[in-house]
Protein backbone atom coordinates (compact mmCIF):
# COMPACT_ATOMS: atom_id res chain seq x y z
CA UNK A 1 -42.97 12.99 23.85
CA UNK A 2 -42.99 9.21 24.04
CA UNK A 3 -43.98 6.96 21.19
CA UNK A 4 -47.14 6.03 23.09
CA UNK A 5 -48.23 9.64 23.35
CA UNK A 6 -47.47 10.21 19.67
CA UNK A 7 -49.71 7.30 18.68
CA UNK A 8 -52.59 8.76 20.68
CA UNK A 9 -52.81 12.09 18.94
CA UNK A 10 -56.05 13.00 17.21
CA UNK A 11 -58.16 16.13 16.81
CA UNK A 12 -60.99 17.39 18.96
CA UNK A 13 -63.11 20.18 17.56
CA UNK A 14 -64.23 22.95 19.89
CA UNK A 15 -66.30 25.70 18.31
CA UNK A 16 -64.51 25.25 15.00
CA UNK A 17 -61.01 25.02 16.48
CA UNK A 18 -59.05 21.76 16.31
CA UNK A 19 -56.79 20.60 19.15
CA UNK A 20 -54.51 17.56 19.25
CA UNK A 21 -55.64 16.00 22.52
CA UNK A 22 -53.05 13.27 22.42
CA UNK A 23 -50.35 15.89 22.80
CA UNK A 24 -51.80 16.96 26.14
CA UNK A 25 -52.99 13.55 27.37
CA UNK A 26 -49.81 12.78 29.28
CA UNK A 27 -49.89 16.18 30.95
CA UNK A 28 -53.55 15.74 31.80
CA UNK A 29 -53.21 12.49 33.71
CA UNK A 30 -49.70 12.94 35.07
CA UNK A 31 -46.47 10.96 34.72
CA UNK A 32 -46.60 7.20 34.99
CA UNK A 33 -50.39 6.99 34.70
CA UNK A 34 -52.23 5.49 31.75
CA UNK A 35 -54.18 7.80 29.50
CA UNK A 36 -57.91 7.80 30.33
CA UNK A 37 -60.44 6.04 28.16
CA UNK A 38 -61.46 9.35 26.60
CA UNK A 39 -58.01 9.53 25.04
CA UNK A 40 -57.92 6.00 23.65
CA UNK A 41 -57.91 5.40 19.88
CA UNK A 42 -61.39 3.84 20.06
CA UNK A 43 -62.79 7.30 20.73
CA UNK A 44 -61.22 9.19 17.88
CA UNK A 45 -64.51 10.80 16.91
CA UNK A 46 -64.31 14.58 17.23
CA UNK A 47 -66.17 15.98 20.24
CA UNK A 48 -68.11 19.11 19.42
CA UNK A 49 -68.52 21.80 22.05
CA UNK A 50 -71.98 21.79 23.64
CA UNK A 51 -74.24 24.38 22.13
CA UNK A 52 -75.35 27.35 24.23
CA UNK A 53 -79.01 28.10 23.84
CA UNK A 54 -80.00 31.71 24.45
CA UNK A 55 -83.36 30.48 25.74
CA UNK A 56 -83.13 30.94 29.53
CA UNK A 57 -85.89 28.33 29.99
CA UNK A 58 -83.15 25.69 30.05
CA UNK A 59 -81.86 27.29 33.25
CA UNK A 60 -84.93 26.96 35.45
CA UNK A 61 -83.85 27.15 39.08
CA UNK A 62 -85.62 24.90 41.62
CA UNK A 63 -87.64 26.56 44.37
CA UNK A 64 -85.67 27.63 47.47
CA UNK A 65 -87.21 24.84 49.55
CA UNK A 66 -85.60 22.33 47.15
CA UNK A 67 -82.10 23.31 48.31
CA UNK A 68 -80.08 21.98 51.24
CA UNK A 69 -77.93 24.04 53.59
CA UNK A 70 -74.47 22.66 52.74
CA UNK A 71 -72.84 21.69 49.44
CA UNK A 72 -71.78 18.08 50.04
CA UNK A 73 -71.58 16.68 46.50
CA UNK A 74 -68.66 14.22 46.60
CA UNK A 75 -67.01 15.76 43.57
CA UNK A 76 -67.49 19.36 44.67
CA UNK A 77 -67.58 19.37 48.48
CA UNK A 78 -67.83 23.03 49.46
CA UNK A 79 -67.57 22.49 53.24
CA UNK A 80 -66.97 25.72 55.22
CA UNK A 81 -63.38 26.06 56.37
CA UNK A 82 -61.92 23.80 53.65
CA UNK A 83 -59.00 25.21 51.66
CA UNK A 84 -57.31 24.14 48.44
CA UNK A 85 -53.90 25.33 47.22
CA UNK A 86 -52.93 25.22 43.54
CA UNK A 87 -50.00 26.07 41.28
CA UNK A 88 -50.94 27.30 37.82
CA UNK A 89 -49.98 29.33 34.78
CA UNK A 90 -47.86 28.51 31.76
CA UNK A 91 -44.70 28.45 33.89
CA UNK A 92 -46.13 27.73 37.34
CA UNK A 93 -46.04 31.41 38.21
CA UNK A 94 -49.51 31.53 39.77
CA UNK A 95 -50.38 30.57 43.34
CA UNK A 96 -54.10 30.02 43.81
CA UNK A 97 -55.93 29.65 47.12
CA UNK A 98 -59.57 28.56 47.26
CA UNK A 99 -61.43 28.70 50.58
CA UNK A 100 -65.02 27.99 51.57
CA UNK A 101 -66.02 30.82 53.88
CA UNK A 102 -68.12 30.55 57.03
CA UNK A 103 -70.74 32.83 55.55
CA UNK A 104 -73.60 32.67 53.11
CA UNK A 105 -75.34 34.93 50.60
CA UNK A 106 -79.07 35.04 49.90
CA UNK A 107 -79.77 34.78 46.16
CA UNK A 108 -83.30 34.40 44.81
CA UNK A 109 -84.40 33.09 48.20
CA UNK A 110 -81.63 30.45 48.25
CA UNK A 111 -78.91 30.33 50.90
CA UNK A 112 -75.71 30.15 48.85
CA UNK A 113 -72.29 29.02 50.05
CA UNK A 114 -69.56 31.62 49.52
CA UNK A 115 -66.22 30.44 48.08
CA UNK A 116 -63.26 32.80 47.75
CA UNK A 117 -60.67 32.27 45.01
CA UNK A 118 -57.46 34.35 45.12
CA UNK A 119 -54.79 34.27 42.40
CA UNK A 120 -51.32 35.65 43.17
CA UNK A 121 -48.17 36.17 41.13
CA UNK A 122 -44.89 37.09 42.83
CA UNK A 123 -46.85 37.65 46.02
CA UNK A 124 -49.19 40.18 44.41
CA UNK A 125 -52.92 39.54 44.05
CA UNK A 126 -53.96 39.50 40.39
CA UNK A 127 -57.52 38.24 40.83
CA UNK A 128 -59.91 38.01 43.79
CA UNK A 129 -63.26 36.30 43.28
CA UNK A 130 -66.22 35.42 45.47
CA UNK A 131 -68.29 32.57 43.98
CA UNK A 132 -71.76 31.52 45.15
CA UNK A 133 -72.95 27.91 45.07
CA UNK A 134 -75.91 25.89 46.35
CA UNK A 135 -76.88 22.22 46.24
CA UNK A 136 -80.39 21.03 45.51
CA UNK A 137 -82.03 18.03 47.20
CA UNK A 138 -81.09 15.80 44.26
CA UNK A 139 -77.38 16.56 44.82
CA UNK A 140 -76.80 18.87 41.86
CA UNK A 141 -74.52 21.84 42.58
CA UNK A 142 -75.79 25.13 41.15
CA UNK A 143 -73.70 28.17 40.34
CA UNK A 144 -75.50 31.34 41.40
CA UNK A 145 -72.94 33.96 40.43
CA UNK A 146 -69.62 35.59 41.21
CA UNK A 147 -68.09 38.89 42.19
CA UNK A 148 -64.70 39.05 40.53
CA UNK A 149 -61.97 41.69 40.46
CA UNK A 150 -58.74 41.74 38.47
CA UNK A 151 -55.79 43.74 39.80
CA UNK A 152 -52.71 45.39 38.39
CA UNK A 153 -50.22 46.93 40.82
CA UNK A 154 -52.79 46.69 43.59
CA UNK A 155 -55.49 48.53 41.64
CA UNK A 156 -58.73 47.01 40.38
CA UNK A 157 -58.66 47.14 36.57
CA UNK A 158 -61.66 44.95 35.70
CA UNK A 159 -64.77 43.37 37.16
CA UNK A 160 -65.77 41.78 33.85
CA UNK A 161 -67.48 38.44 34.28
CA UNK A 162 -69.26 39.34 37.51
CA UNK A 163 -72.91 38.33 37.65
CA UNK A 164 -75.67 37.27 40.04
CA UNK A 165 -78.64 35.02 39.29
CA UNK A 166 -81.82 37.07 39.04
CA UNK A 167 -80.02 40.37 38.43
CA UNK A 168 -79.97 42.08 35.02
CA UNK A 169 -81.17 38.98 33.19
CA UNK A 170 -78.65 36.54 34.68
CA UNK A 171 -79.58 32.89 35.22
CA UNK A 172 -78.00 30.22 37.40
CA UNK A 173 -76.54 27.04 35.95
CA UNK A 174 -75.20 23.69 37.14
CA UNK A 175 -71.48 23.15 37.74
CA UNK A 176 -71.64 19.60 39.09
CA UNK A 177 -74.50 17.24 38.22
CA UNK A 178 -75.19 14.62 40.88
CA UNK A 179 -75.56 11.73 38.40
CA UNK A 180 -73.75 12.69 35.19
CA UNK A 181 -73.31 10.44 32.19
CA UNK A 182 -70.67 10.60 29.48
CA UNK A 183 -71.65 13.05 26.77
CA UNK A 184 -73.95 15.01 29.09
CA UNK A 185 -73.97 18.78 28.39
CA UNK A 186 -75.14 21.46 30.79
CA UNK A 187 -75.22 25.24 31.08
CA UNK A 188 -73.04 26.54 33.93
CA UNK A 189 -73.90 30.25 33.90
CA UNK A 190 -75.73 32.75 31.77
CA UNK A 191 -75.62 36.52 31.52
CA UNK A 192 -75.70 37.57 27.91
CA UNK A 193 -72.37 39.03 26.81
CA UNK A 194 -70.76 38.54 30.23
CA UNK A 195 -71.06 34.92 31.39
CA UNK A 196 -72.01 32.17 28.92
CA UNK A 197 -70.19 29.03 30.04
CA UNK A 198 -71.15 25.42 29.45
CA UNK A 199 -69.74 22.04 30.37
CA UNK A 200 -69.70 18.57 28.87
CA UNK A 201 -68.89 15.29 30.62
CA UNK A 202 -66.13 13.42 28.78
CA UNK A 203 -65.12 10.74 31.28
CA UNK A 204 -66.35 9.44 34.66
CA UNK A 205 -63.60 7.09 35.80
CA UNK A 206 -60.18 8.16 34.60
CA UNK A 207 -56.95 8.28 36.63
CA UNK A 208 -55.01 11.45 37.36
CA UNK A 209 -51.80 12.29 39.24
CA UNK A 210 -51.11 15.75 40.64
CA UNK A 211 -48.65 16.92 43.32
CA UNK A 212 -51.33 16.32 45.97
CA UNK A 213 -51.68 12.65 45.03
CA UNK A 214 -52.93 10.06 42.55
CA UNK A 215 -56.65 9.48 42.07
CA UNK A 216 -58.96 6.96 40.43
CA UNK A 217 -62.56 7.40 39.30
CA UNK A 218 -61.84 11.00 38.35
CA UNK A 219 -64.49 12.93 36.42
CA UNK A 220 -63.27 14.84 33.39
CA UNK A 221 -65.25 17.65 31.79
CA UNK A 222 -64.79 19.99 28.86
CA UNK A 223 -65.62 23.62 29.66
CA UNK A 224 -66.24 26.14 26.88
CA UNK A 225 -67.80 29.57 26.44
CA UNK A 226 -69.62 31.13 23.51
CA UNK A 227 -67.93 34.44 24.34
CA UNK A 228 -64.49 33.05 23.44
CA UNK A 229 -65.04 30.24 20.90
CA UNK A 230 -61.34 29.35 20.73
CA UNK A 231 -61.04 28.87 24.50
CA UNK A 232 -61.52 25.37 25.97
CA UNK A 233 -60.49 23.76 29.24
CA UNK A 234 -60.43 20.26 30.66
CA UNK A 235 -61.28 19.94 34.34
CA UNK A 236 -60.70 16.95 36.58
CA UNK A 237 -62.63 16.22 39.79
CA UNK A 238 -61.79 13.62 42.45
CA UNK A 239 -64.27 12.24 44.97
CA UNK A 240 -63.90 13.76 48.42
CA UNK A 241 -61.52 16.43 47.11
CA UNK A 242 -63.07 18.44 44.28
CA UNK A 243 -61.06 20.03 41.48
CA UNK A 244 -57.57 18.54 41.22
CA UNK A 245 -56.49 19.78 37.79
CA UNK A 246 -57.51 22.31 35.15
CA UNK A 247 -55.85 21.97 31.76
CA UNK A 248 -56.15 24.80 29.26
CA UNK A 249 -56.14 23.49 25.72
CA UNK A 250 -54.18 26.55 24.65
CA UNK A 251 -50.62 25.34 25.39
CA UNK A 252 -49.48 28.84 26.26
CA UNK A 253 -51.77 28.86 29.29
CA UNK A 254 -50.61 25.62 30.89
CA UNK A 255 -52.34 23.78 33.72
CA UNK A 256 -53.44 24.33 37.29
CA UNK A 257 -52.66 21.52 39.74
CA UNK A 258 -53.68 20.87 43.34
CA UNK A 259 -50.70 20.74 45.68
CA UNK A 260 -52.41 20.75 49.08
CA UNK A 261 -55.82 20.54 50.72
CA UNK A 262 -56.69 21.51 54.28
CA UNK A 263 -59.94 20.35 55.85
CA UNK A 264 -61.56 22.08 58.83
C-alpha cells in the first residue's frame, strides 16, 4: 500500500457495516490511475446503502409499447452476438463468459433480450444464468428476471435467486438508468425473500484500468441487497463496452475484471 492510498482511507457504511474504501481504491481503478472523485478526501461523508421499500408501487413497469426492440444504452449495450470475457474470484480462479443471445423472451408483453452468463472454475461450470433485459423508449434498461443454476460436480445444487417479473409477486427493476445523477438510488429487482437488490450511483466520470484497457468517464455504482446486509459491491461501466469491473467489498471475494470483448 502506497502512502497515497493510506491517506485516502475512510469508512463507508453499508447496512450497518463499515468498509475502508481507501484500501480498495487502488484496486478499483487499476495501477497507475488516479483515484476517482468518489474516493477523494472531500467526500469523506459515509454513504448509506439505499433503502429497499417493500411497496412494489416503486417498480411500476412501462407499457409494452414503451419499449424498444434492442438494448442499446451506451453503458449497457446488450447487442445480440456480443461476448465479454472476465477473470474473477479472490485468486482469479473464475472464468466468466457473458453472451447476448440471438433470441428473446416474452415477459409481461415485453420482448426481452436474453443474456447468458456462465462461470467456470478449473474448466467446470459452477453457475449458468439466463438474464432478461429490455430498454424503454427513454433509454432506461430494465431487468425482467433470471433463470440461474449453481452446479457442483456437474449437478445442479441450487436455483435460488431465480425470478421472473409478473410471476409469484416478482417485479422488474432498473439496472441502468439512461440519465443518472450522483446519489441516485434505484431498485434493480424484487421478489420478496429471493431477489431484493438495489443500486446507487456514486460516480459518473471516473477512470478505470482493467486488462482489456483503460477508460475515462466510467460510471461507478454501489450494489446492495436487503437479503444479505453485509454484502456490497462496486460496479464500473464504460461507454460502448458495459461492465468492465466488479469489486466485492468483502476482500475475500476479490474482483472481476474484463479481459476481452468480442463484437458481432
